[in-house]
Amino acid sequence: MGPKTQELINVLGQLIEILESDGDTHWNQWMRSARARLLDSDYSGVTYLLSAYGGMGSFNDVVLGQSRVDGVFAWKPGHVELNEQFDTLRAEAARLAEAIRDSQN
């Protein structure tokens, strides 16, 4: 396993923690699956991860820190910082996955 793959595994671990802390199940499971594949030295983890990006309703569109209070939309405390950290990790995961993919071609 190369250093970029190890770094990607670490970034995915951080993404999983953030998604879990916000109560997300769909993308949390997606990132867990991609990470598990990479831990098994399965290159499909890279292509699987990259398939989450792009298009409507994709991983790019996820915004964290939203809730409903008595049926009314509300932002959770700290949502700005949460989304800034999430955006940084999401972009880093894509960058690393693309670099790994490009090195295989």
PDB file of N, CA and C in Angstrom:
ATOM      1  N   MET A   1       0.856  -1.173   0.000  1.00  0.00           N
ATOM      2  CA  MET A   1       0.000   0.000   0.000  1.00  0.00           C
ATOM      3  C   MET A   1       0.901   1.235   0.000  1.00  0.00           C
ATOM      4  N   GLY A   2       0.631   2.125  -0.926  1.00  0.00           N
ATOM      5  CA  GLY A   2       1.443   3.323  -1.055  1.00  0.00           C
ATOM      6  C   GLY A   2       1.045   4.405  -0.060  1.00  0.00           C
ATOM      7  N   PRO A   3       1.883   5.447   0.038  1.00  0.00           N
ATOM      8  CA  PRO A   3       1.608   6.518   1.005  1.00  0.00           C
ATOM      9  C   PRO A   3       0.328   7.301   0.697  1.00  0.00           C
ATOM     10  N   LYS A   4       0.010   7.481  -0.572  1.00  0.00           N
ATOM     11  CA  LYS A   4      -1.227   8.190  -0.924  1.00  0.00           C
ATOM     12  C   LYS A   4      -2.453   7.373  -0.516  1.00  0.00           C
ATOM     13  N   THR A   5      -2.370   6.057  -0.691  1.00  0.00           N
ATOM     14  CA  THR A   5      -3.479   5.197  -0.289  1.00  0.00           C
ATOM     15  C   THR A   5      -3.654   5.247   1.224  1.00  0.00           C
ATOM     16  N   GLN A   6      -2.555   5.205   1.958  1.00  0.00           N
ATOM     17  CA  GLN A   6      -2.644   5.284   3.422  1.00  0.00           C
ATOM     18  C   GLN A   6      -3.224   6.622   3.851  1.00  0.00           C
ATOM     19  N   GLU A   7      -2.803   7.683   3.187  1.00  0.00           N
ATOM     20  CA  GLU A   7      -3.337   9.012   3.501  1.00  0.00           C
ATOM     21  C   GLU A   7      -4.836   9.064   3.207  1.00  0.00           C
ATOM     22  N   LEU A   8      -5.249   8.471   2.083  1.00  0.00           N
ATOM     23  CA  LEU A   8      -6.672   8.447   1.727  1.00  0.00           C
ATOM     24  C   LEU A   8      -7.463   7.668   2.773  1.00  0.00           C
ATOM     25  N   ILE A   9      -6.947   6.557   3.223  1.00  0.00           N
ATOM     26  CA  ILE A   9      -7.616   5.764   4.267  1.00  0.00           C
ATOM     27  C   ILE A   9      -7.806   6.615   5.522  1.00  0.00           C
ATOM     28  N   ASN A  10      -6.807   7.388   5.880  1.00  0.00           N
ATOM     29  CA  ASN A  10      -6.901   8.262   7.052  1.00  0.00           C
ATOM     30  C   ASN A  10      -7.952   9.353   6.857  1.00  0.00           C
ATOM     31  N   VAL A  11      -7.969   9.960   5.675  1.00  0.00           N
ATOM     32  CA  VAL A  11      -8.953  11.004   5.380  1.00  0.00           C
ATOM     33  C   VAL A  11     -10.361  10.411   5.410  1.00  0.00           C
ATOM     34  N   LEU A  12     -10.534   9.231   4.837  1.00  0.00           N
ATOM     35  CA  LEU A  12     -11.848   8.589   4.869  1.00  0.00           C
ATOM     36  C   LEU A  12     -12.281   8.313   6.300  1.00  0.00           C
ATOM     37  N   GLY A  13     -11.344   7.925   7.156  1.00  0.00           N
ATOM     38  CA  GLY A  13     -11.666   7.717   8.563  1.00  0.00           C
ATOM     39  C   GLY A  13     -12.200   8.987   9.217  1.00  0.00           C
ATOM     40  N   GLN A  14     -11.591  10.113   8.887  1.00  0.00           N
ATOM     41  CA  GLN A  14     -12.057  11.395   9.425  1.00  0.00           C
ATOM     42  C   GLN A  14     -13.427  11.768   8.867  1.00  0.00           C
ATOM     43  N   LEU A  15     -13.624  11.518   7.575  1.00  0.00           N
ATOM     44  CA  LEU A  15     -14.938  11.781   6.977  1.00  0.00           C
ATOM     45  C   LEU A  15     -16.014  10.929   7.641  1.00  0.00           C
ATOM     46  N   ILE A  16     -15.702   9.678   7.886  1.00  0.00           N
ATOM     47  CA  ILE A  16     -16.651   8.772   8.531  1.00  0.00           C
ATOM     48  C   ILE A  16     -17.043   9.315   9.910  1.00  0.00           C
ATOM     49  N   GLU A  17     -16.067   9.766  10.677  1.00  0.00           N
ATOM     50  CA  GLU A  17     -16.344  10.318  12.004  1.00  0.00           C
ATOM     51  C   GLU A  17     -17.269  11.527  11.924  1.00  0.00           C
ATOM     52  N   ILE A  18     -17.002  12.426  10.985  1.00  0.00           N
ATOM     53  CA  ILE A  18     -17.822  13.631  10.847  1.00  0.00           C
ATOM     54  C   ILE A  18     -19.241  13.263  10.417  1.00  0.00           C
ATOM     55  N   LEU A  19     -19.347  12.394   9.427  1.00  0.00           N
ATOM     56  CA  LEU A  19     -20.673  11.993   8.953  1.00  0.00           C
ATOM     57  C   LEU A  19     -21.456  11.305  10.064  1.00  0.00           C
ATOM     58  N   GLU A  20     -20.783  10.457  10.813  1.00  0.00           N
ATOM     59  CA  GLU A  20     -21.432   9.756  11.915  1.00  0.00           C
ATOM     60  C   GLU A  20     -21.891  10.741  12.991  1.00  0.00           C
ATOM     61  N   SER A  21     -21.059  11.715  13.301  1.00  0.00           N
ATOM     62  CA  SER A  21     -21.412  12.689  14.334  1.00  0.00           C
ATOM     63  C   SER A  21     -22.621  13.529  13.936  1.00  0.00           C
ATOM     64  N   ASP A  22     -22.848  13.661  12.633  1.00  0.00           N
ATOM     65  CA  ASP A  22     -23.988  14.439  12.146  1.00  0.00           C
ATOM     66  C   ASP A  22     -25.219  13.567  11.910  1.00  0.00           C
ATOM     67  N   GLY A  23     -25.084  12.263  12.115  1.00  0.00           N
ATOM     68  CA  GLY A  23     -26.223  11.372  11.962  1.00  0.00           C
ATOM     69  C   GLY A  23     -26.455  10.872  10.550  1.00  0.00           C
ATOM     70  N   ASP A  24     -25.509  11.123   9.649  1.00  0.00           N
ATOM     71  CA  ASP A  24     -25.658  10.640   8.278  1.00  0.00           C
ATOM     72  C   ASP A  24     -25.414   9.133   8.228  1.00  0.00           C
ATOM     73  N   THR A  25     -26.274   8.424   7.516  1.00  0.00           N
ATOM     74  CA  THR A  25     -26.078   6.983   7.365  1.00  0.00           C
ATOM     75  C   THR A  25     -25.661   6.604   5.952  1.00  0.00           C
ATOM     76  N   HIS A  26     -26.263   7.239   4.949  1.00  0.00           N
ATOM     77  CA  HIS A  26     -25.984   6.865   3.559  1.00  0.00           C
ATOM     78  C   HIS A  26     -24.519   7.082   3.196  1.00  0.00           C
ATOM     79  N   TRP A  27     -24.039   8.319   3.317  1.00  0.00           N
ATOM     80  CA  TRP A  27     -22.668   8.625   2.905  1.00  0.00           C
ATOM     81  C   TRP A  27     -21.655   8.034   3.872  1.00  0.00           C
ATOM     82  N   ASN A  28     -22.045   7.906   5.123  1.00  0.00           N
ATOM     83  CA  ASN A  28     -21.180   7.253   6.098  1.00  0.00           C
ATOM     84  C   ASN A  28     -20.892   5.821   5.641  1.00  0.00           C
ATOM     85  N   GLN A  29     -21.932   5.112   5.243  1.00  0.00           N
ATOM     86  CA  GLN A  29     -21.757   3.734   4.789  1.00  0.00           C
ATOM     87  C   GLN A  29     -20.943   3.675   3.493  1.00  0.00           C
ATOM     88  N   TRP A  30     -21.150   4.628   2.620  1.00  0.00           N
ATOM     89  CA  TRP A  30     -20.400   4.691   1.349  1.00  0.00           C
ATOM     90  C   TRP A  30     -18.899   4.837   1.632  1.00  0.00           C
ATOM     91  N   MET A  31     -18.561   5.760   2.527  1.00  0.00           N
ATOM     92  CA  MET A  31     -17.153   5.994   2.852  1.00  0.00           C
ATOM     93  C   MET A  31     -16.552   4.793   3.589  1.00  0.00           C
ATOM     94  N   ARG A  32     -17.353   4.144   4.432  1.00  0.00           N
ATOM     95  CA  ARG A  32     -16.884   2.932   5.123  1.00  0.00           C
ATOM     96  C   ARG A  32     -16.562   1.821   4.120  1.00  0.00           C
ATOM     97  N   SER A  33     -17.405   1.682   3.113  1.00  0.00           N
ATOM     98  CA  SER A  33     -17.182   0.652   2.096  1.00  0.00           C
ATOM     99  C   SER A  33     -15.920   0.953   1.292  1.00  0.00           C
ATOM    100  N   ALA A  34     -15.751   2.204   0.881  1.00  0.00           N
ATOM    101  CA  ALA A  34     -14.549   2.589   0.130  1.00  0.00           C
ATOM    102  C   ALA A  34     -13.301   2.348   0.981  1.00  0.00           C
ATOM    103  N   ARG A  35     -13.353   2.725   2.242  1.00  0.00           N
ATOM    104  CA  ARG A  35     -12.215   2.553   3.144  1.00  0.00           C
ATOM    105  C   ARG A  35     -11.896   1.074   3.354  1.00  0.00           C
ATOM    106  N   ALA A  36     -12.918   0.262   3.550  1.00  0.00           N
ATOM    107  CA  ALA A  36     -12.708  -1.180   3.765  1.00  0.00           C
ATOM    108  C   ALA A  36     -12.031  -1.811   2.552  1.00  0.00           C
ATOM    109  N   ARG A  37     -12.457  -1.408   1.359  1.00  0.00           N
ATOM    110  CA  ARG A  37     -11.837  -1.942   0.142  1.00  0.00           C
ATOM    111  C   ARG A  37     -10.363  -1.571   0.079  1.00  0.00           C
ATOM    112  N   LEU A  38     -10.060  -0.316   0.394  1.00  0.00           N
ATOM    113  CA  LEU A  38      -8.668   0.134   0.360  1.00  0.00           C
ATOM    114  C   LEU A  38      -7.830  -0.581   1.414  1.00  0.00           C
ATOM    115  N   LEU A  39      -8.401  -0.796   2.579  1.00  0.00           N
ATOM    116  CA  LEU A  39      -7.677  -1.534   3.620  1.00  0.00           C
ATOM    117  C   LEU A  39      -7.371  -2.957   3.188  1.00  0.00           C
ATOM    118  N   ASP A  40      -8.219  -3.516   2.314  1.00  0.00           N
ATOM    119  CA  ASP A  40      -7.994  -4.860   1.762  1.00  0.00           C
ATOM    120  C   ASP A  40      -7.123  -4.826   0.512  1.00  0.00           C
ATOM    121  N   SER A  41      -6.507  -3.672   0.240  1.00  0.00           N
ATOM    122  CA  SER A  41      -5.693  -3.476  -0.972  1.00  0.00           C
ATOM    123  C   SER A  41      -6.487  -3.728  -2.247  1.00  0.00           C
ATOM    124  N   ASP A  42      -7.765  -3.370  -2.205  1.00  0.00           N
ATOM    125  CA  ASP A  42      -8.669  -3.522  -3.349  1.00  0.00           C
ATOM    126  C   ASP A  42      -8.803  -2.161  -4.030  1.00  0.00           C
ATOM    127  N   TYR A  43      -8.235  -2.060  -5.234  1.00  0.00           N
ATOM    128  CA  TYR A  43      -8.243  -0.793  -5.978  1.00  0.00           C
ATOM    129  C   TYR A  43      -9.656  -0.293  -6.259  1.00  0.00           C
ATOM    130  N   SER A  44     -10.650  -1.167  -6.267  1.00  0.00           N
ATOM    131  CA  SER A  44     -12.023  -0.728  -6.534  1.00  0.00           C
ATOM    132  C   SER A  44     -12.492   0.295  -5.512  1.00  0.00           C
ATOM    133  N   GLY A  45     -11.812   0.370  -4.364  1.00  0.00           N
ATOM    134  CA  GLY A  45     -12.154   1.395  -3.380  1.00  0.00           C
ATOM    135  C   GLY A  45     -11.969   2.793  -3.930  1.00  0.00           C
ATOM    136  N   VAL A  46     -10.978   2.959  -4.798  1.00  0.00           N
ATOM    137  CA  VAL A  46     -10.730   4.268  -5.420  1.00  0.00           C
ATOM    138  C   VAL A  46     -11.850   4.605  -6.394  1.00  0.00           C
ATOM    139  N   THR A  47     -12.175   3.686  -7.277  1.00  0.00           N
ATOM    140  CA  THR A  47     -13.227   3.961  -8.263  1.00  0.00           C
ATOM    141  C   THR A  47     -14.589   4.098  -7.584  1.00  0.00           C
ATOM    142  N   TYR A  48     -14.818   3.294  -6.551  1.00  0.00           N
ATOM    143  CA  TYR A  48     -16.069   3.389  -5.807  1.00  0.00           C
ATOM    144  C   TYR A  48     -16.184   4.761  -5.148  1.00  0.00           C
ATOM    145  N   LEU A  49     -15.123   5.212  -4.517  1.00  0.00           N
ATOM    146  CA  LEU A  49     -15.128   6.526  -3.876  1.00  0.00           C
ATOM    147  C   LEU A  49     -15.389   7.622  -4.903  1.00  0.00           C
ATOM    148  N   LEU A  50     -14.663   7.595  -6.010  1.00  0.00           N
ATOM    149  CA  LEU A  50     -14.827   8.643  -7.020  1.00  0.00           C
ATOM    150  C   LEU A  50     -16.219   8.656  -7.637  1.00  0.00           C
ATOM    151  N   SER A  51     -16.897   7.510  -7.641  1.00  0.00           N
ATOM    152  CA  SER A  51     -18.257   7.465  -8.195  1.00  0.00           C
ATOM    153  C   SER A  51     -19.257   8.214  -7.315  1.00  0.00           C
ATOM    154  N   ALA A  52     -18.861   8.567  -6.101  1.00  0.00           N
ATOM    155  CA  ALA A  52     -19.740   9.331  -5.204  1.00  0.00           C
ATOM    156  C   ALA A  52     -19.792  10.809  -5.584  1.00  0.00           C
ATOM    157  N   TYR A  53     -18.794  11.265  -6.338  1.00  0.00           N
ATOM    158  CA  TYR A  53     -18.667  12.679  -6.684  1.00  0.00           C
ATOM    159  C   TYR A  53     -19.324  12.962  -8.035  1.00  0.00           C
ATOM    160  N   GLY A  54     -19.991  14.101  -8.147  1.00  0.00           N
ATOM    161  CA  GLY A  54     -20.539  14.565  -9.415  1.00  0.00           C
ATOM    162  C   GLY A  54     -21.992  14.194  -9.596  1.00  0.00           C
ATOM    163  N   GLY A  55     -22.712  15.090 -10.230  1.00  0.00           N
ATOM    164  CA  GLY A  55     -24.131  14.860 -10.476  1.00  0.00           C
ATOM    165  C   GLY A  55     -24.994  15.321  -9.311  1.00  0.00           C
ATOM    166  N   MET A  56     -26.282  15.438  -9.591  1.00  0.00           N
ATOM    167  CA  MET A  56     -27.223  15.878  -8.561  1.00  0.00           C
ATOM    168  C   MET A  56     -27.352  14.825  -7.465  1.00  0.00           C
ATOM    169  N   GLY A  57     -27.395  15.284  -6.236  1.00  0.00           N
ATOM    170  CA  GLY A  57     -27.544  14.386  -5.108  1.00  0.00           C
ATOM    171  C   GLY A  57     -26.274  13.632  -4.751  1.00  0.00           C
ATOM    172  N   SER A  58     -25.154  14.081  -5.283  1.00  0.00           N
ATOM    173  CA  SER A  58     -23.889  13.386  -5.049  1.00  0.00           C
ATOM    174  C   SER A  58     -23.248  13.841  -3.737  1.00  0.00           C
ATOM    175  N   PHE A  59     -22.131  13.241  -3.428  1.00  0.00           N
ATOM    176  CA  PHE A  59     -21.376  13.578  -2.230  1.00  0.00           C
ATOM    177  C   PHE A  59     -20.995  15.056  -2.224  1.00  0.00           C
ATOM    178  N   ASN A  60     -20.829  15.642  -3.412  1.00  0.00           N
ATOM    179  CA  ASN A  60     -20.507  17.070  -3.512  1.00  0.00           C
ATOM    180  C   ASN A  60     -21.608  17.949  -2.924  1.00  0.00           C
ATOM    181  N   ASP A  61     -22.835  17.444  -2.920  1.00  0.00           N
ATOM    182  CA  ASP A  61     -23.987  18.239  -2.502  1.00  0.00           C
ATOM    183  C   ASP A  61     -24.295  18.150  -1.011  1.00  0.00           C
ATOM    184  N   VAL A  62     -23.572  17.325  -0.287  1.00  0.00           N
ATOM    185  CA  VAL A  62     -23.872  17.120   1.130  1.00  0.00           C
ATOM    186  C   VAL A  62     -23.539  18.375   1.936  1.00  0.00           C
ATOM    187  N   VAL A  63     -24.499  18.789   2.759  1.00  0.00           N
ATOM    188  CA  VAL A  63     -24.313  19.894   3.702  1.00  0.00           C
ATOM    189  C   VAL A  63     -24.679  19.349   5.073  1.00  0.00           C
ATOM    190  N   LEU A  64     -23.781  19.508   6.015  1.00  0.00           N
ATOM    191  CA  LEU A  64     -23.993  18.979   7.359  1.00  0.00           C
ATOM    192  C   LEU A  64     -24.529  20.061   8.291  1.00  0.00           C
ATOM    193  N   GLY A  65     -25.007  19.632   9.447  1.00  0.00           N
ATOM    194  CA  GLY A  65     -25.430  20.575  10.480  1.00  0.00           C
ATOM    195  C   GLY A  65     -26.853  21.062  10.348  1.00  0.00           C
ATOM    196  N   GLN A  66     -27.666  20.357   9.589  1.00  0.00           N
ATOM    197  CA  GLN A  66     -29.059  20.748   9.424  1.00  0.00           C
ATOM    198  C   GLN A  66     -29.942  19.885  10.322  1.00  0.00           C
ATOM    199  N   SER A  67     -31.010  20.485  10.823  1.00  0.00           N
ATOM    200  CA  SER A  67     -31.943  19.723  11.648  1.00  0.00           C
ATOM    201  C   SER A  67     -33.328  20.346  11.563  1.00  0.00           C
ATOM    202  N   ARG A  68     -34.252  19.707  12.233  1.00  0.00           N
ATOM    203  CA  ARG A  68     -35.616  20.231  12.364  1.00  0.00           C
ATOM    204  C   ARG A  68     -35.921  20.332  13.850  1.00  0.00           C
ATOM    205  N   VAL A  69     -36.399  21.478  14.254  1.00  0.00           N
ATOM    206  CA  VAL A  69     -36.813  21.703  15.636  1.00  0.00           C
ATOM    207  C   VAL A  69     -38.286  22.062  15.601  1.00  0.00           C
ATOM    208  N   ASP A  70     -39.103  21.200  16.156  1.00  0.00           N
ATOM    209  CA  ASP A  70     -40.564  21.376  16.112  1.00  0.00           C
ATOM    210  C   ASP A  70     -41.053  21.561  14.681  1.00  0.00           C
ATOM    211  N   GLY A  71     -40.457  20.788  13.754  1.00  0.00           N
ATOM    212  CA  GLY A  71     -40.869  20.826  12.357  1.00  0.00           C
ATOM    213  C   GLY A  71     -40.320  21.992  11.562  1.00  0.00           C
ATOM    214  N   VAL A  72     -39.486  22.807  12.172  1.00  0.00           N
ATOM    215  CA  VAL A  72     -38.932  23.986  11.504  1.00  0.00           C
ATOM    216  C   VAL A  72     -37.437  23.757  11.275  1.00  0.00           C
ATOM    217  N   PHE A  73     -36.975  24.075  10.063  1.00  0.00           N
ATOM    218  CA  PHE A  73     -35.561  23.935   9.727  1.00  0.00           C
ATOM    219  C   PHE A  73     -34.714  24.775  10.674  1.00  0.00           C
ATOM    220  N   ALA A  74     -33.588  24.193  11.097  1.00  0.00           N
ATOM    221  CA  ALA A  74     -32.648  24.916  11.965  1.00  0.00           C
ATOM    222  C   ALA A  74     -31.238  24.425  11.690  1.00  0.00           C
ATOM    223  N   TRP A  75     -30.286  25.293  11.898  1.00  0.00           N
ATOM    224  CA  TRP A  75     -28.876  24.916  11.813  1.00  0.00           C
ATOM    225  C   TRP A  75     -28.409  24.494  13.192  1.00  0.00           C
ATOM    226  N   LYS A  76     -27.612  23.446  13.246  1.00  0.00           N
ATOM    227  CA  LYS A  76     -27.029  23.009  14.502  1.00  0.00           C
ATOM    228  C   LYS A  76     -25.901  23.968  14.875  1.00  0.00           C
ATOM    229  N   PRO A  77     -25.634  24.152  16.172  1.00  0.00           N
ATOM    230  CA  PRO A  77     -24.505  25.003  16.577  1.00  0.00           C
ATOM    231  C   PRO A  77     -23.204  24.472  15.974  1.00  0.00           C
ATOM    232  N   GLY A  78     -22.384  25.377  15.487  1.00  0.00           N
ATOM    233  CA  GLY A  78     -21.091  25.005  14.918  1.00  0.00           C
ATOM    234  C   GLY A  78     -21.154  24.499  13.491  1.00  0.00           C
ATOM    235  N   HIS A  79     -22.288  24.698  12.829  1.00  0.00           N
ATOM    236  CA  HIS A  79     -22.439  24.148  11.473  1.00  0.00           C
ATOM    237  C   HIS A  79     -21.459  24.747  10.465  1.00  0.00           C
ATOM    238  N   VAL A  80     -21.085  25.989  10.628  1.00  0.00           N
ATOM    239  CA  VAL A  80     -20.156  26.618   9.674  1.00  0.00           C
ATOM    240  C   VAL A  80     -18.793  25.933   9.750  1.00  0.00           C
ATOM    241  N   GLU A  81     -18.264  25.798  10.944  1.00  0.00           N
ATOM    242  CA  GLU A  81     -16.963  25.151  11.125  1.00  0.00           C
ATOM    243  C   GLU A  81     -17.018  23.689  10.705  1.00  0.00           C
ATOM    244  N   LEU A  82     -18.116  23.027  11.043  1.00  0.00           N
ATOM    245  CA  LEU A  82     -18.297  21.626  10.671  1.00  0.00           C
ATOM    246  C   LEU A  82     -18.223  21.461   9.156  1.00  0.00           C
ATOM    247  N   ASN A  83     -18.924  22.320   8.428  1.00  0.00           N
ATOM    248  CA  ASN A  83     -18.930  22.217   6.968  1.00  0.00           C
ATOM    249  C   ASN A  83     -17.610  22.628   6.343  1.00  0.00           C
ATOM    250  N   GLU A  84     -16.907  23.562   6.954  1.00  0.00           N
ATOM    251  CA  GLU A  84     -15.583  23.921   6.449  1.00  0.00           C
ATOM    252  C   GLU A  84     -14.628  22.743   6.570  1.00  0.00           C
ATOM    253  N   GLN A  85     -14.638  22.080   7.712  1.00  0.00           N
ATOM    254  CA  GLN A  85     -13.789  20.903   7.917  1.00  0.00           C
ATOM    255  C   GLN A  85     -14.204  19.783   6.964  1.00  0.00           C
ATOM    256  N   PHE A  86     -15.506  19.576   6.835  1.00  0.00           N
ATOM    257  CA  PHE A  86     -16.032  18.539   5.949  1.00  0.00           C
ATOM    258  C   PHE A  86     -15.632  18.811   4.498  1.00  0.00           C
ATOM    259  N   ASP A  87     -15.768  20.049   4.042  1.00  0.00           N
ATOM    260  CA  ASP A  87     -15.408  20.407   2.663  1.00  0.00           C
ATOM    261  C   ASP A  87     -13.926  20.155   2.396  1.00  0.00           C
ATOM    262  N   THR A  88     -13.085  20.497   3.359  1.00  0.00           N
ATOM    263  CA  THR A  88     -11.647  20.289   3.213  1.00  0.00           C
ATOM    264  C   THR A  88     -11.344  18.800   3.063  1.00  0.00           C
ATOM    265  N   LEU A  89     -11.926  17.982   3.927  1.00  0.00           N
ATOM    266  CA  LEU A  89     -11.689  16.534   3.873  1.00  0.00           C
ATOM    267  C   LEU A  89     -12.266  15.918   2.607  1.00  0.00           C
ATOM    268  N   ARG A  90     -13.445  16.358   2.210  1.00  0.00           N
ATOM    269  CA  ARG A  90     -14.086  15.838   1.003  1.00  0.00           C
ATOM    270  C   ARG A  90     -13.225  16.132  -0.223  1.00  0.00           C
ATOM    271  N   ALA A  91     -12.702  17.345  -0.309  1.00  0.00           N
ATOM    272  CA  ALA A  91     -11.841  17.715  -1.438  1.00  0.00           C
ATOM    273  C   ALA A  91     -10.530  16.941  -1.405  1.00  0.00           C
ATOM    274  N   GLU A  92      -9.970  16.752  -0.215  1.00  0.00           N
ATOM    275  CA  GLU A  92      -8.714  16.017  -0.081  1.00  0.00           C
ATOM    276  C   GLU A  92      -8.896  14.551  -0.477  1.00  0.00           C
ATOM    277  N   ALA A  93     -10.021  13.961  -0.100  1.00  0.00           N
ATOM    278  CA  ALA A  93     -10.292  12.569  -0.483  1.00  0.00           C
ATOM    279  C   ALA A  93     -10.366  12.449  -2.003  1.00  0.00           C
ATOM    280  N   ALA A  94     -11.043  13.376  -2.647  1.00  0.00           N
ATOM    281  CA  ALA A  94     -11.144  13.343  -4.115  1.00  0.00           C
ATOM    282  C   ALA A  94      -9.774  13.529  -4.753  1.00  0.00           C
ATOM    283  N   ARG A  95      -8.998  14.475  -4.245  1.00  0.00           N
ATOM    284  CA  ARG A  95      -7.667  14.740  -4.799  1.00  0.00           C
ATOM    285  C   ARG A  95      -6.783  13.499  -4.689  1.00  0.00           C
ATOM    286  N   LEU A  96      -6.777  12.869  -3.527  1.00  0.00           N
ATOM    287  CA  LEU A  96      -5.950  11.681  -3.329  1.00  0.00           C
ATOM    288  C   LEU A  96      -6.423  10.531  -4.213  1.00  0.00           C
ATOM    289  N   ALA A  97      -7.731  10.315  -4.278  1.00  0.00           N
ATOM    290  CA  ALA A  97      -8.272   9.224  -5.097  1.00  0.00           C
ATOM    291  C   ALA A  97      -7.929   9.444  -6.573  1.00  0.00           C
ATOM    292  N   GLU A  98      -8.040  10.679  -7.039  1.00  0.00           N
ATOM    293  CA  GLU A  98      -7.698  10.974  -8.431  1.00  0.00           C
ATOM    294  C   GLU A  98      -6.210  10.746  -8.688  1.00  0.00           C
ATOM    295  N   ALA A  99      -5.367  11.118  -7.739  1.00  0.00           N
ATOM    296  CA  ALA A  99      -3.924  10.916  -7.898  1.00  0.00           C
ATOM    297  C   ALA A  99      -3.596   9.424  -7.950  1.00  0.00           C
ATOM    298  N   ILE A 100      -4.256   8.642  -7.108  1.00  0.00           N
ATOM    299  CA  ILE A 100      -4.048   7.189  -7.128  1.00  0.00           C
ATOM    300  C   ILE A 100      -4.529   6.608  -8.449  1.00  0.00           C
ATOM    301  N   ARG A 101      -5.706   7.023  -8.884  1.00  0.00           N
ATOM    302  CA  ARG A 101      -6.241   6.542 -10.155  1.00  0.00           C
ATOM    303  C   ARG A 101      -5.309   6.899 -11.307  1.00  0.00           C
ATOM    304  N   ASP A 102      -4.845   8.137 -11.331  1.00  0.00           N
ATOM    305  CA  ASP A 102      -3.972   8.581 -12.427  1.00  0.00           C
ATOM    306  C   ASP A 102      -2.648   7.847 -12.430  1.00  0.00           C
ATOM    307  N   SER A 103      -2.153   7.473 -11.265  1.00  0.00           N
ATOM    308  CA  SER A 103      -0.885   6.747 -11.201  1.00  0.00           C
ATOM    309  C   SER A 103      -1.031   5.314 -11.699  1.00  0.00           C
ATOM    310  N   GLN A 104      -2.258   4.809 -11.734  1.00  0.00           N
ATOM    311  CA  GLN A 104      -2.511   3.439 -12.210  1.00  0.00           C
ATOM    312  C   GLN A 104      -2.659   3.388 -13.736  1.00  0.00           C
ATOM    313  N   ASN A 105      -2.893   4.539 -14.347  1.00  0.00           N
ATOM    314  CA  ASN A 105      -3.094   4.588 -15.818  1.00  0.00           C
ATOM    315  C   ASN A 105      -1.805   4.831 -16.557  1.00  0.00           C
TER     316      ASN A 105
END
